[in-house]
Amino acid sequence: MVMNRAEAMPVIAVSIILVVYAALIFFETWLAIAGLIFTLSPILVIWLVYNVIRNGKYSGRELDENEEWGYTDRT
């Protein structure tokens, strides 16, 4: 599955911010910036989820009338 650019950019940005946050905490440097990232993290996650839902394209098959589960890797 390939993400489009509008979907991939928020994922990459939030992932980089997560790695920076983890490095700041691990090395115990610039803890004020780590605290700021921690404070802003709910907004970043909401932004990420919103963009993935808005721009994501589902390429699997649709469920039939009597199906409840959509596992495409099982019969």
PDB file of N, CA and C in Angstrom:
ATOM      1  N   MET A   1       0.839  -1.170   0.000  1.00  0.00           N
ATOM      2  CA  MET A   1       0.000   0.000   0.000  1.00  0.00           C
ATOM      3  C   MET A   1       0.888   1.240   0.000  1.00  0.00           C
ATOM      4  N   VAL A   2       0.622   2.132  -0.909  1.00  0.00           N
ATOM      5  CA  VAL A   2       1.422   3.336  -1.058  1.00  0.00           C
ATOM      6  C   VAL A   2       0.591   4.533  -0.617  1.00  0.00           C
ATOM      7  N   MET A   3       1.196   5.381   0.227  1.00  0.00           N
ATOM      8  CA  MET A   3       0.503   6.587   0.686  1.00  0.00           C
ATOM      9  C   MET A   3       0.722   7.709  -0.316  1.00  0.00           C
ATOM     10  N   ASN A   4      -0.313   8.542  -0.488  1.00  0.00           N
ATOM     11  CA  ASN A   4      -0.121   9.718  -1.314  1.00  0.00           C
ATOM     12  C   ASN A   4       0.629  10.778  -0.512  1.00  0.00           C
ATOM     13  N   ARG A   5       1.066  11.843  -1.189  1.00  0.00           N
ATOM     14  CA  ARG A   5       1.919  12.840  -0.538  1.00  0.00           C
ATOM     15  C   ARG A   5       1.195  13.556   0.599  1.00  0.00           C
ATOM     16  N   ALA A   6      -0.075  13.889   0.409  1.00  0.00           N
ATOM     17  CA  ALA A   6      -0.831  14.596   1.441  1.00  0.00           C
ATOM     18  C   ALA A   6      -1.022  13.732   2.685  1.00  0.00           C
ATOM     19  N   GLU A   7      -0.978  12.449   2.503  1.00  0.00           N
ATOM     20  CA  GLU A   7      -1.121  11.521   3.620  1.00  0.00           C
ATOM     21  C   GLU A   7       0.234  11.211   4.264  1.00  0.00           C
ATOM     22  N   ALA A   8       1.290  11.176   3.474  1.00  0.00           N
ATOM     23  CA  ALA A   8       2.607  10.785   3.967  1.00  0.00           C
ATOM     24  C   ALA A   8       3.305  11.896   4.737  1.00  0.00           C
ATOM     25  N   MET A   9       3.119  13.141   4.348  1.00  0.00           N
ATOM     26  CA  MET A   9       3.839  14.243   4.994  1.00  0.00           C
ATOM     27  C   MET A   9       3.519  14.369   6.480  1.00  0.00           C
ATOM     28  N   PRO A  10       2.260  14.319   6.919  1.00  0.00           N
ATOM     29  CA  PRO A  10       1.997  14.364   8.361  1.00  0.00           C
ATOM     30  C   PRO A  10       2.581  13.162   9.104  1.00  0.00           C
ATOM     31  N   VAL A  11       2.550  11.994   8.490  1.00  0.00           N
ATOM     32  CA  VAL A  11       3.105  10.796   9.123  1.00  0.00           C
ATOM     33  C   VAL A  11       4.609  10.959   9.327  1.00  0.00           C
ATOM     34  N   ILE A  12       5.298  11.451   8.313  1.00  0.00           N
ATOM     35  CA  ILE A  12       6.747  11.652   8.413  1.00  0.00           C
ATOM     36  C   ILE A  12       7.067  12.735   9.440  1.00  0.00           C
ATOM     37  N   ALA A  13       6.326  13.839   9.398  1.00  0.00           N
ATOM     38  CA  ALA A  13       6.590  14.954  10.318  1.00  0.00           C
ATOM     39  C   ALA A  13       6.391  14.535  11.774  1.00  0.00           C
ATOM     40  N   VAL A  14       5.286  13.880  12.072  1.00  0.00           N
ATOM     41  CA  VAL A  14       5.012  13.469  13.447  1.00  0.00           C
ATOM     42  C   VAL A  14       5.998  12.382  13.883  1.00  0.00           C
ATOM     43  N   SER A  15       6.408  11.526  12.984  1.00  0.00           N
ATOM     44  CA  SER A  15       7.403  10.501  13.328  1.00  0.00           C
ATOM     45  C   SER A  15       8.745  11.130  13.669  1.00  0.00           C
ATOM     46  N   ILE A  16       9.159  12.137  12.913  1.00  0.00           N
ATOM     47  CA  ILE A  16      10.413  12.827  13.200  1.00  0.00           C
ATOM     48  C   ILE A  16      10.338  13.538  14.549  1.00  0.00           C
ATOM     49  N   ILE A  17       9.207  14.178  14.821  1.00  0.00           N
ATOM     50  CA  ILE A  17       9.023  14.859  16.105  1.00  0.00           C
ATOM     51  C   ILE A  17       9.082  13.849  17.253  1.00  0.00           C
ATOM     52  N   LEU A  18       8.514  12.660  17.053  1.00  0.00           N
ATOM     53  CA  LEU A  18       8.573  11.623  18.077  1.00  0.00           C
ATOM     54  C   LEU A  18      10.010  11.181  18.337  1.00  0.00           C
ATOM     55  N   VAL A  19      10.796  11.012  17.287  1.00  0.00           N
ATOM     56  CA  VAL A  19      12.197  10.606  17.450  1.00  0.00           C
ATOM     57  C   VAL A  19      12.983  11.704  18.158  1.00  0.00           C
ATOM     58  N   VAL A  20      12.744  12.966  17.806  1.00  0.00           N
ATOM     59  CA  VAL A  20      13.417  14.084  18.481  1.00  0.00           C
ATOM     60  C   VAL A  20      13.043  14.099  19.959  1.00  0.00           C
ATOM     61  N   TYR A  21      11.763  13.917  20.254  1.00  0.00           N
ATOM     62  CA  TYR A  21      11.306  13.892  21.647  1.00  0.00           C
ATOM     63  C   TYR A  21      11.998  12.768  22.427  1.00  0.00           C
ATOM     64  N   ALA A  22      12.045  11.573  21.836  1.00  0.00           N
ATOM     65  CA  ALA A  22      12.682  10.444  22.515  1.00  0.00           C
ATOM     66  C   ALA A  22      14.165  10.711  22.745  1.00  0.00           C
ATOM     67  N   ALA A  23      14.840  11.333  21.771  1.00  0.00           N
ATOM     68  CA  ALA A  23      16.262  11.638  21.928  1.00  0.00           C
ATOM     69  C   ALA A  23      16.473  12.681  23.026  1.00  0.00           C
ATOM     70  N   LEU A  24      15.617  13.693  23.072  1.00  0.00           N
ATOM     71  CA  LEU A  24      15.744  14.718  24.117  1.00  0.00           C
ATOM     72  C   LEU A  24      15.564  14.117  25.505  1.00  0.00           C
ATOM     73  N   ILE A  25      14.620  13.222  25.650  1.00  0.00           N
ATOM     74  CA  ILE A  25      14.396  12.580  26.938  1.00  0.00           C
ATOM     75  C   ILE A  25      15.550  11.631  27.282  1.00  0.00           C
ATOM     76  N   PHE A  26      16.009  10.872  26.298  1.00  0.00           N
ATOM     77  CA  PHE A  26      17.082   9.899  26.542  1.00  0.00           C
ATOM     78  C   PHE A  26      18.375  10.581  26.979  1.00  0.00           C
ATOM     79  N   PHE A  27      18.747  11.661  26.277  1.00  0.00           N
ATOM     80  CA  PHE A  27      19.997  12.352  26.584  1.00  0.00           C
ATOM     81  C   PHE A  27      19.833  13.418  27.654  1.00  0.00           C
ATOM     82  N   GLU A  28      18.624  13.616  28.135  1.00  0.00           N
ATOM     83  CA  GLU A  28      18.307  14.584  29.185  1.00  0.00           C
ATOM     84  C   GLU A  28      18.834  15.977  28.864  1.00  0.00           C
ATOM     85  N   THR A  29      18.626  16.391  27.627  1.00  0.00           N
ATOM     86  CA  THR A  29      19.005  17.732  27.196  1.00  0.00           C
ATOM     87  C   THR A  29      17.774  18.477  26.746  1.00  0.00           C
ATOM     88  N   TRP A  30      17.781  19.749  26.894  1.00  0.00           N
ATOM     89  CA  TRP A  30      16.703  20.629  26.457  1.00  0.00           C
ATOM     90  C   TRP A  30      15.349  20.088  26.893  1.00  0.00           C
ATOM     91  N   LEU A  31      15.213  19.830  28.169  1.00  0.00           N
ATOM     92  CA  LEU A  31      13.979  19.247  28.696  1.00  0.00           C
ATOM     93  C   LEU A  31      12.785  20.185  28.539  1.00  0.00           C
ATOM     94  N   ALA A  32      13.039  21.485  28.444  1.00  0.00           N
ATOM     95  CA  ALA A  32      11.938  22.433  28.216  1.00  0.00           C
ATOM     96  C   ALA A  32      11.315  22.205  26.836  1.00  0.00           C
ATOM     97  N   ILE A  33      12.149  21.936  25.839  1.00  0.00           N
ATOM     98  CA  ILE A  33      11.631  21.651  24.499  1.00  0.00           C
ATOM     99  C   ILE A  33      10.902  20.313  24.505  1.00  0.00           C
ATOM    100  N   ALA A  34      11.425  19.337  25.226  1.00  0.00           N
ATOM    101  CA  ALA A  34      10.751  18.042  25.341  1.00  0.00           C
ATOM    102  C   ALA A  34       9.387  18.216  25.997  1.00  0.00           C
ATOM    103  N   GLY A  35       9.315  19.072  27.014  1.00  0.00           N
ATOM    104  CA  GLY A  35       8.030  19.354  27.652  1.00  0.00           C
ATOM    105  C   GLY A  35       7.060  20.025  26.704  1.00  0.00           C
ATOM    106  N   LEU A  36       7.568  20.929  25.862  1.00  0.00           N
ATOM    107  CA  LEU A  36       6.718  21.580  24.867  1.00  0.00           C
ATOM    108  C   LEU A  36       6.192  20.570  23.853  1.00  0.00           C
ATOM    109  N   ILE A  37       7.054  19.678  23.382  1.00  0.00           N
ATOM    110  CA  ILE A  37       6.617  18.639  22.439  1.00  0.00           C
ATOM    111  C   ILE A  37       5.564  17.749  23.097  1.00  0.00           C
ATOM    112  N   PHE A  38       5.794  17.385  24.361  1.00  0.00           N
ATOM    113  CA  PHE A  38       4.821  16.560  25.075  1.00  0.00           C
ATOM    114  C   PHE A  38       3.481  17.289  25.196  1.00  0.00           C
ATOM    115  N   THR A  39       3.518  18.581  25.462  1.00  0.00           N
ATOM    116  CA  THR A  39       2.292  19.363  25.590  1.00  0.00           C
ATOM    117  C   THR A  39       1.547  19.468  24.265  1.00  0.00           C
ATOM    118  N   LEU A  40       2.282  19.592  23.178  1.00  0.00           N
ATOM    119  CA  LEU A  40       1.655  19.736  21.858  1.00  0.00           C
ATOM    120  C   LEU A  40       1.307  18.401  21.203  1.00  0.00           C
ATOM    121  N   SER A  41       1.720  17.297  21.787  1.00  0.00           N
ATOM    122  CA  SER A  41       1.522  15.989  21.158  1.00  0.00           C
ATOM    123  C   SER A  41       0.056  15.644  20.875  1.00  0.00           C
ATOM    124  N   PRO A  42      -0.917  15.982  21.736  1.00  0.00           N
ATOM    125  CA  PRO A  42      -2.303  15.673  21.363  1.00  0.00           C
ATOM    126  C   PRO A  42      -2.754  16.404  20.094  1.00  0.00           C
ATOM    127  N   ILE A  43      -2.301  17.632  19.927  1.00  0.00           N
ATOM    128  CA  ILE A  43      -2.648  18.388  18.715  1.00  0.00           C
ATOM    129  C   ILE A  43      -2.001  17.752  17.494  1.00  0.00           C
ATOM    130  N   LEU A  44      -0.752  17.319  17.637  1.00  0.00           N
ATOM    131  CA  LEU A  44      -0.058  16.672  16.519  1.00  0.00           C
ATOM    132  C   LEU A  44      -0.740  15.363  16.121  1.00  0.00           C
ATOM    133  N   VAL A  45      -1.170  14.592  17.100  1.00  0.00           N
ATOM    134  CA  VAL A  45      -1.840  13.319  16.803  1.00  0.00           C
ATOM    135  C   VAL A  45      -3.195  13.572  16.138  1.00  0.00           C
ATOM    136  N   ILE A  46      -3.929  14.564  16.615  1.00  0.00           N
ATOM    137  CA  ILE A  46      -5.214  14.899  15.981  1.00  0.00           C
ATOM    138  C   ILE A  46      -4.994  15.342  14.547  1.00  0.00           C
ATOM    139  N   TRP A  47      -3.966  16.164  14.302  1.00  0.00           N
ATOM    140  CA  TRP A  47      -3.635  16.608  12.948  1.00  0.00           C
ATOM    141  C   TRP A  47      -3.274  15.417  12.059  1.00  0.00           C
ATOM    142  N   LEU A  48      -2.491  14.496  12.596  1.00  0.00           N
ATOM    143  CA  LEU A  48      -2.100  13.305  11.847  1.00  0.00           C
ATOM    144  C   LEU A  48      -3.312  12.457  11.485  1.00  0.00           C
ATOM    145  N   VAL A  49      -4.145  12.159  12.449  1.00  0.00           N
ATOM    146  CA  VAL A  49      -5.319  11.312  12.207  1.00  0.00           C
ATOM    147  C   VAL A  49      -6.274  11.984  11.226  1.00  0.00           C
ATOM    148  N   TYR A  50      -6.500  13.278  11.391  1.00  0.00           N
ATOM    149  CA  TYR A  50      -7.390  14.010  10.485  1.00  0.00           C
ATOM    150  C   TYR A  50      -6.895  13.929   9.046  1.00  0.00           C
ATOM    151  N   ASN A  51      -5.604  14.140   8.833  1.00  0.00           N
ATOM    152  CA  ASN A  51      -5.070  14.097   7.477  1.00  0.00           C
ATOM    153  C   ASN A  51      -5.108  12.705   6.874  1.00  0.00           C
ATOM    154  N   VAL A  52      -4.836  11.693   7.666  1.00  0.00           N
ATOM    155  CA  VAL A  52      -4.883  10.325   7.135  1.00  0.00           C
ATOM    156  C   VAL A  52      -6.312   9.939   6.778  1.00  0.00           C
ATOM    157  N   ILE A  53      -7.269  10.300   7.630  1.00  0.00           N
ATOM    158  CA  ILE A  53      -8.672   9.977   7.332  1.00  0.00           C
ATOM    159  C   ILE A  53      -9.163  10.771   6.130  1.00  0.00           C
ATOM    160  N   ARG A  54      -8.820  12.047   6.053  1.00  0.00           N
ATOM    161  CA  ARG A  54      -9.303  12.901   4.961  1.00  0.00           C
ATOM    162  C   ARG A  54      -8.680  12.528   3.627  1.00  0.00           C
ATOM    163  N   ASN A  55      -7.393  12.202   3.609  1.00  0.00           N
ATOM    164  CA  ASN A  55      -6.681  11.979   2.351  1.00  0.00           C
ATOM    165  C   ASN A  55      -6.453  10.518   2.022  1.00  0.00           C
ATOM    166  N   GLY A  56      -6.734   9.624   2.957  1.00  0.00           N
ATOM    167  CA  GLY A  56      -6.484   8.208   2.719  1.00  0.00           C
ATOM    168  C   GLY A  56      -7.468   7.611   1.730  1.00  0.00           C
ATOM    169  N   LYS A  57      -6.967   6.716   0.942  1.00  0.00           N
ATOM    170  CA  LYS A  57      -7.804   6.018  -0.045  1.00  0.00           C
ATOM    171  C   LYS A  57      -7.797   4.526   0.285  1.00  0.00           C
ATOM    172  N   TYR A  58      -8.985   3.939   0.407  1.00  0.00           N
ATOM    173  CA  TYR A  58      -9.105   2.514   0.675  1.00  0.00           C
ATOM    174  C   TYR A  58      -9.126   1.775  -0.651  1.00  0.00           C
ATOM    175  N   SER A  59      -8.226   0.800  -0.816  1.00  0.00           N
ATOM    176  CA  SER A  59      -8.133   0.091  -2.089  1.00  0.00           C
ATOM    177  C   SER A  59      -8.607  -1.357  -1.989  1.00  0.00           C
ATOM    178  N   GLY A  60      -9.135  -1.766  -0.857  1.00  0.00           N
ATOM    179  CA  GLY A  60      -9.627  -3.130  -0.701  1.00  0.00           C
ATOM    180  C   GLY A  60     -11.037  -3.285  -1.249  1.00  0.00           C
ATOM    181  N   ARG A  61     -11.543  -4.505  -1.197  1.00  0.00           N
ATOM    182  CA  ARG A  61     -12.896  -4.742  -1.696  1.00  0.00           C
ATOM    183  C   ARG A  61     -13.919  -4.336  -0.643  1.00  0.00           C
ATOM    184  N   GLU A  62     -15.098  -4.015  -1.092  1.00  0.00           N
ATOM    185  CA  GLU A  62     -16.184  -3.650  -0.184  1.00  0.00           C
ATOM    186  C   GLU A  62     -16.817  -4.916   0.386  1.00  0.00           C
ATOM    187  N   LEU A  63     -17.406  -4.808   1.562  1.00  0.00           N
ATOM    188  CA  LEU A  63     -18.072  -5.961   2.177  1.00  0.00           C
ATOM    189  C   LEU A  63     -19.374  -6.282   1.452  1.00  0.00           C
ATOM    190  N   ASP A  64     -19.702  -7.583   1.406  1.00  0.00           N
ATOM    191  CA  ASP A  64     -20.980  -7.999   0.847  1.00  0.00           C
ATOM    192  C   ASP A  64     -22.088  -7.711   1.848  1.00  0.00           C
ATOM    193  N   GLU A  65     -23.305  -7.923   1.443  1.00  0.00           N
ATOM    194  CA  GLU A  65     -24.480  -7.620   2.256  1.00  0.00           C
ATOM    195  C   GLU A  65     -24.466  -8.352   3.602  1.00  0.00           C
ATOM    196  N   ASN A  66     -24.069  -9.636   3.613  1.00  0.00           N
ATOM    197  CA  ASN A  66     -24.135 -10.432   4.839  1.00  0.00           C
ATOM    198  C   ASN A  66     -22.794 -10.560   5.560  1.00  0.00           C
ATOM    199  N   GLU A  67     -21.801  -9.802   5.189  1.00  0.00           N
ATOM    200  CA  GLU A  67     -20.487  -9.880   5.820  1.00  0.00           C
ATOM    201  C   GLU A  67     -20.352  -8.838   6.918  1.00  0.00           C
ATOM    202  N   GLU A  68     -19.728  -9.246   8.036  1.00  0.00           N
ATOM    203  CA  GLU A  68     -19.483  -8.328   9.133  1.00  0.00           C
ATOM    204  C   GLU A  68     -18.012  -7.940   9.233  1.00  0.00           C
ATOM    205  N   TRP A  69     -17.122  -8.789   8.762  1.00  0.00           N
ATOM    206  CA  TRP A  69     -15.695  -8.559   8.894  1.00  0.00           C
ATOM    207  C   TRP A  69     -15.095  -8.351   7.527  1.00  0.00           C
ATOM    208  N   GLY A  70     -14.094  -7.518   7.447  1.00  0.00           N
ATOM    209  CA  GLY A  70     -13.486  -7.197   6.163  1.00  0.00           C
ATOM    210  C   GLY A  70     -12.066  -7.673   6.003  1.00  0.00           C
ATOM    211  N   TYR A  71     -11.775  -8.867   6.459  1.00  0.00           N
ATOM    212  CA  TYR A  71     -10.427  -9.396   6.308  1.00  0.00           C
ATOM    213  C   TYR A  71     -10.228  -9.829   4.859  1.00  0.00           C
ATOM    214  N   THR A  72      -9.344  -9.158   4.129  1.00  0.00           N
ATOM    215  CA  THR A  72      -9.133  -9.508   2.728  1.00  0.00           C
ATOM    216  C   THR A  72      -8.066 -10.585   2.556  1.00  0.00           C
ATOM    217  N   ASP A  73      -7.363 -10.948   3.621  1.00  0.00           N
ATOM    218  CA  ASP A  73      -6.341 -11.986   3.492  1.00  0.00           C
ATOM    219  C   ASP A  73      -6.877 -13.376   3.853  1.00  0.00           C
ATOM    220  N   ARG A  74      -8.164 -13.464   4.173  1.00  0.00           N
ATOM    221  CA  ARG A  74      -8.782 -14.759   4.484  1.00  0.00           C
ATOM    222  C   ARG A  74     -10.029 -14.976   3.632  1.00  0.00           C
ATOM    223  N   THR A  75     -10.330 -16.243   3.410  1.00  0.00           N
ATOM    224  CA  THR A  75     -11.519 -16.546   2.601  1.00  0.00           C
ATOM    225  C   THR A  75     -12.751 -16.591   3.473  1.00  0.00           C
TER     226      THR A  75
END
